[in-house]
Every structure is written in C-alpha cells, then in structure tokens.
Amino acid sequence: MLKVNNIEVLYQEVILALKGVSLEVPPHGIVALLGANGAGKSTTLKAISGLLKHENGEVAEGSIEFLGKRIDRRSAEEIARMGIIQVIEGRRVFEHLTVEQNLRVGAHLKPDNRSLAAGLEMVYHYFPRLRERRHVEAGFVSGGEQQMLVIGRALMANPKLLLLDEP
C-alpha cells in the first residue's frame, strides 16, 4: 500500500534531516515507527503526508509511493484526497467549535449527508465519550477527550491510511 524508498529529506535545501529511510506498509497493516527524540519520526510522517513543504522541507532523494503512485512531489491536499490522513502531534482542535462540529470538519471530503451521519456513528462507536460530549466546546474537554477527538476527526475522512504522530 505504502512504500518509502531510501528517502533523504532536506530543510531549507541544506539541512539534512533524514537519510536512507525506507519502510513499507502492507494493505490492512499496522506499522510503528520508533526512535529517540530528534530521530526523524515526525519528519518521516510529514514527508509521507506532504506537509514538509509547509516547513520549507522537501524529499530530495528517494521516493514515496501510495497504491502504486508516486506521491512525494504532490501537495498535502492531493495526498489527503488520495486517502492519507495524518493526525499531527499536539491535539490541535478548534477550541470554540463543539466536539461534533470538529468532527464534521474532518468530513469535508465527504459530499453527502448519509456518509456524514455514518462517519459520526462510527466515531461515536469507537469513542462513546465523544457522543456524550458532542455539544461541548472542544476547548473545554479533557486532554484525553481532545486526543480522541483529533483521531475521530481524521477517521471522518474515511482514510485508506491513517498516520498518527505521537497519539
């Protein structure tokens, strides 16, 4: 499903952040990327999801393929539309929106109300506490509930591949 082939990541065209990183995620597979602080775990995920460009970074060598298509030169939006969704580190919620409104933001790729309702039910099945708190502003729920919320919001996009950075 996903192949990262010997990538090298540079920031500002000169700062070497990753060298020789390769990994493969098979269909329906789960892969954990482990390492010390500063080892490049988050940078690897940003390379896969296309977020490096927003930090003046690039995949300078190697390649990243998803479902047989090269993606390392595509935008984050294109990659998300292909089905790769990343939950970035730090529990980033829209604090003044309710829990349910935050979840609905994650469904922006879904065009119809039926799939929106099904997505909400799926998230509430996995995280029943979010159903109880759905009318509460996200800034007023606990840190653990916010973490459930950002994962639930990502699931609302019905990803083919979900990337979790320090869940």
Protein backbone atom coordinates (compact mmCIF):
# COMPACT_ATOMS: atom_id res chain seq x y z
CA MET A 1 0.00 0.00 0.00
CA LEU A 2 2.73 2.48 1.03
CA LYS A 3 6.40 2.29 0.09
CA VAL A 4 9.00 4.74 1.34
CA ASN A 5 12.17 4.10 -0.66
CA ASN A 6 15.51 5.36 0.69
CA ILE A 7 14.35 8.95 1.20
CA GLU A 8 16.52 11.90 2.09
CA VAL A 9 14.81 14.98 3.50
CA LEU A 10 16.31 18.45 3.44
CA TYR A 11 15.07 21.60 5.12
CA GLN A 12 15.89 24.95 3.51
CA GLU A 13 17.73 22.97 0.80
CA VAL A 14 20.76 22.38 3.06
CA ILE A 15 19.79 20.92 6.45
CA LEU A 16 19.81 17.11 6.24
CA ALA A 17 17.00 15.75 8.43
CA LEU A 18 16.64 12.19 7.10
CA LYS A 19 18.92 9.94 5.10
CA GLY A 20 18.22 6.45 3.83
CA VAL A 21 14.77 5.94 5.38
CA SER A 22 12.78 3.06 3.91
CA LEU A 23 9.63 1.36 5.12
CA GLU A 24 6.63 -0.46 3.76
CA VAL A 25 3.03 -0.60 4.98
CA PRO A 26 1.08 -3.54 3.55
CA PRO A 27 -2.69 -3.33 2.98
CA HIS A 28 -4.52 -3.58 6.34
CA GLY A 29 -1.12 -3.42 8.06
CA ILE A 30 -0.04 -1.56 11.17
CA VAL A 31 3.48 -0.18 11.36
CA ALA A 32 5.04 1.61 14.33
CA LEU A 33 7.95 3.96 13.76
CA LEU A 34 10.09 4.05 16.90
CA GLY A 35 13.11 6.15 17.78
CA ALA A 36 14.62 8.69 20.13
CA ASN A 37 13.62 12.35 20.18
CA GLY A 38 15.00 14.03 17.09
CA ALA A 39 15.42 10.75 15.18
CA GLY A 40 13.09 11.86 12.38
CA LYS A 41 9.80 10.11 13.13
CA SER A 42 7.65 13.23 12.65
CA THR A 43 9.68 14.30 9.62
CA THR A 44 9.07 10.89 8.03
CA LEU A 45 5.31 11.23 8.55
CA LYS A 46 5.35 14.78 7.17
CA ALA A 47 7.21 13.53 4.10
CA ILE A 48 4.51 10.91 3.53
CA SER A 49 1.59 13.31 4.04
CA GLY A 50 3.09 16.18 2.03
CA LEU A 51 3.38 18.57 4.97
CA LEU A 52 7.14 19.15 4.57
CA LYS A 53 6.53 21.91 2.02
CA HIS A 54 4.83 23.99 4.72
CA GLU A 55 8.07 23.93 6.73
CA ASN A 56 10.42 24.63 3.81
CA GLY A 57 11.33 20.96 3.57
CA GLU A 58 11.50 18.51 0.67
CA VAL A 59 12.15 14.91 -0.21
CA ALA A 60 15.44 15.46 -2.07
CA GLU A 61 16.29 11.80 -2.79
CA GLY A 62 14.35 8.56 -2.96
CA SER A 63 10.62 8.21 -3.47
CA ILE A 64 7.31 7.64 -1.72
CA GLU A 65 4.60 5.57 -3.39
CA PHE A 66 1.00 5.05 -2.31
CA LEU A 67 -1.17 2.48 -4.08
CA GLY A 68 1.41 2.31 -6.86
CA LYS A 69 1.52 6.08 -7.49
CA ARG A 70 4.43 8.34 -6.63
CA ILE A 71 3.31 10.98 -4.11
CA ASP A 72 6.45 12.72 -2.84
CA ARG A 73 6.00 15.59 -5.31
CA ARG A 74 2.27 16.04 -4.66
CA SER A 75 0.62 18.61 -2.41
CA ALA A 76 -0.74 17.72 1.02
CA GLU A 77 -4.26 18.32 -0.32
CA GLU A 78 -3.74 15.87 -3.21
CA ILE A 79 -2.32 13.29 -0.83
CA ALA A 80 -5.28 13.70 1.54
CA ARG A 81 -7.71 13.27 -1.37
CA MET A 82 -5.88 10.03 -2.23
CA GLY A 83 -6.71 8.78 1.28
CA ILE A 84 -3.69 9.50 3.50
CA ILE A 85 -4.74 11.43 6.60
CA GLN A 86 -2.32 12.49 9.34
CA VAL A 87 -3.07 13.34 12.95
CA ILE A 88 -0.26 15.71 13.82
CA GLU A 89 1.28 15.92 17.26
CA GLY A 90 -0.28 18.23 19.80
CA ARG A 91 -4.09 17.67 19.97
CA ARG A 92 -4.99 20.52 17.64
CA VAL A 93 -8.71 21.10 17.97
CA PHE A 94 -10.87 24.04 17.02
CA GLU A 95 -11.42 25.16 20.61
CA HIS A 96 -14.52 27.30 20.03
CA LEU A 97 -16.33 24.69 17.94
CA THR A 98 -18.24 21.87 19.62
CA VAL A 99 -16.94 18.33 19.59
CA GLU A 100 -19.42 17.42 16.85
CA GLN A 101 -18.57 20.48 14.78
CA ASN A 102 -14.89 19.47 14.99
CA LEU A 103 -15.80 16.00 13.75
CA ARG A 104 -17.80 17.46 10.86
CA VAL A 105 -14.72 19.44 9.78
CA GLY A 106 -12.99 16.11 9.23
CA ALA A 107 -15.72 15.06 6.80
CA HIS A 108 -15.05 17.87 4.32
CA LEU A 109 -14.03 15.27 1.72
CA LYS A 110 -17.44 13.54 2.03
CA PRO A 111 -20.05 15.06 -0.27
CA ASP A 112 -23.29 13.65 1.19
CA ASN A 113 -25.17 13.70 4.48
CA ARG A 114 -25.58 9.92 4.58
CA SER A 115 -21.83 9.31 4.72
CA LEU A 116 -21.50 12.15 7.25
CA ALA A 117 -24.05 10.50 9.55
CA ALA A 118 -22.37 7.11 9.11
CA GLY A 119 -19.00 8.65 9.91
CA LEU A 120 -20.31 10.25 13.10
CA GLU A 121 -21.84 6.95 14.21
CA MET A 122 -18.55 5.13 13.55
CA VAL A 123 -16.58 7.67 15.61
CA TYR A 124 -19.15 7.57 18.43
CA HIS A 125 -18.93 3.76 18.38
CA TYR A 126 -15.13 3.86 18.83
CA PHE A 127 -15.21 6.81 21.25
CA PRO A 128 -18.55 6.77 23.16
CA ARG A 129 -17.37 9.61 25.39
CA LEU A 130 -17.40 11.93 22.35
CA ARG A 131 -21.13 11.28 21.87
CA GLU A 132 -21.72 12.35 25.47
CA ARG A 133 -19.63 15.50 24.97
CA ARG A 134 -20.74 16.32 21.38
CA HIS A 135 -22.37 19.65 22.31
CA VAL A 136 -19.44 20.87 24.45
CA GLU A 137 -16.85 23.27 23.02
CA ALA A 138 -13.69 21.32 22.26
CA GLY A 139 -11.58 23.70 24.33
CA PHE A 140 -13.45 22.58 27.45
CA VAL A 141 -12.98 18.82 27.14
CA SER A 142 -10.10 16.95 28.77
CA GLY A 143 -6.78 16.30 27.07
CA GLY A 144 -7.67 12.64 26.57
CA GLU A 145 -11.01 13.60 25.05
CA GLN A 146 -9.24 16.06 22.74
CA GLN A 147 -6.94 13.24 21.60
CA MET A 148 -9.98 11.05 20.89
CA LEU A 149 -11.46 14.00 19.00
CA VAL A 150 -8.50 14.56 16.69
CA ILE A 151 -8.32 10.84 15.89
CA GLY A 152 -12.09 10.78 15.35
CA ARG A 153 -11.87 13.84 13.11
CA ALA A 154 -9.26 12.06 10.98
CA LEU A 155 -11.46 8.95 10.79
CA MET A 156 -14.31 11.13 9.47
CA ALA A 157 -12.32 11.49 6.24
CA ASN A 158 -12.52 7.69 5.80
CA PRO A 159 -8.75 7.34 5.27
CA LYS A 160 -7.13 4.49 3.41
CA LEU A 161 -4.01 5.14 5.51
CA LEU A 162 -4.05 6.88 8.89
CA LEU A 163 -0.79 8.39 10.20
CA LEU A 164 -0.68 9.09 13.95
CA ASP A 165 2.15 11.27 15.25
CA GLU A 166 2.56 10.72 19.00
CA PRO A 167 -1.01 9.62 19.71
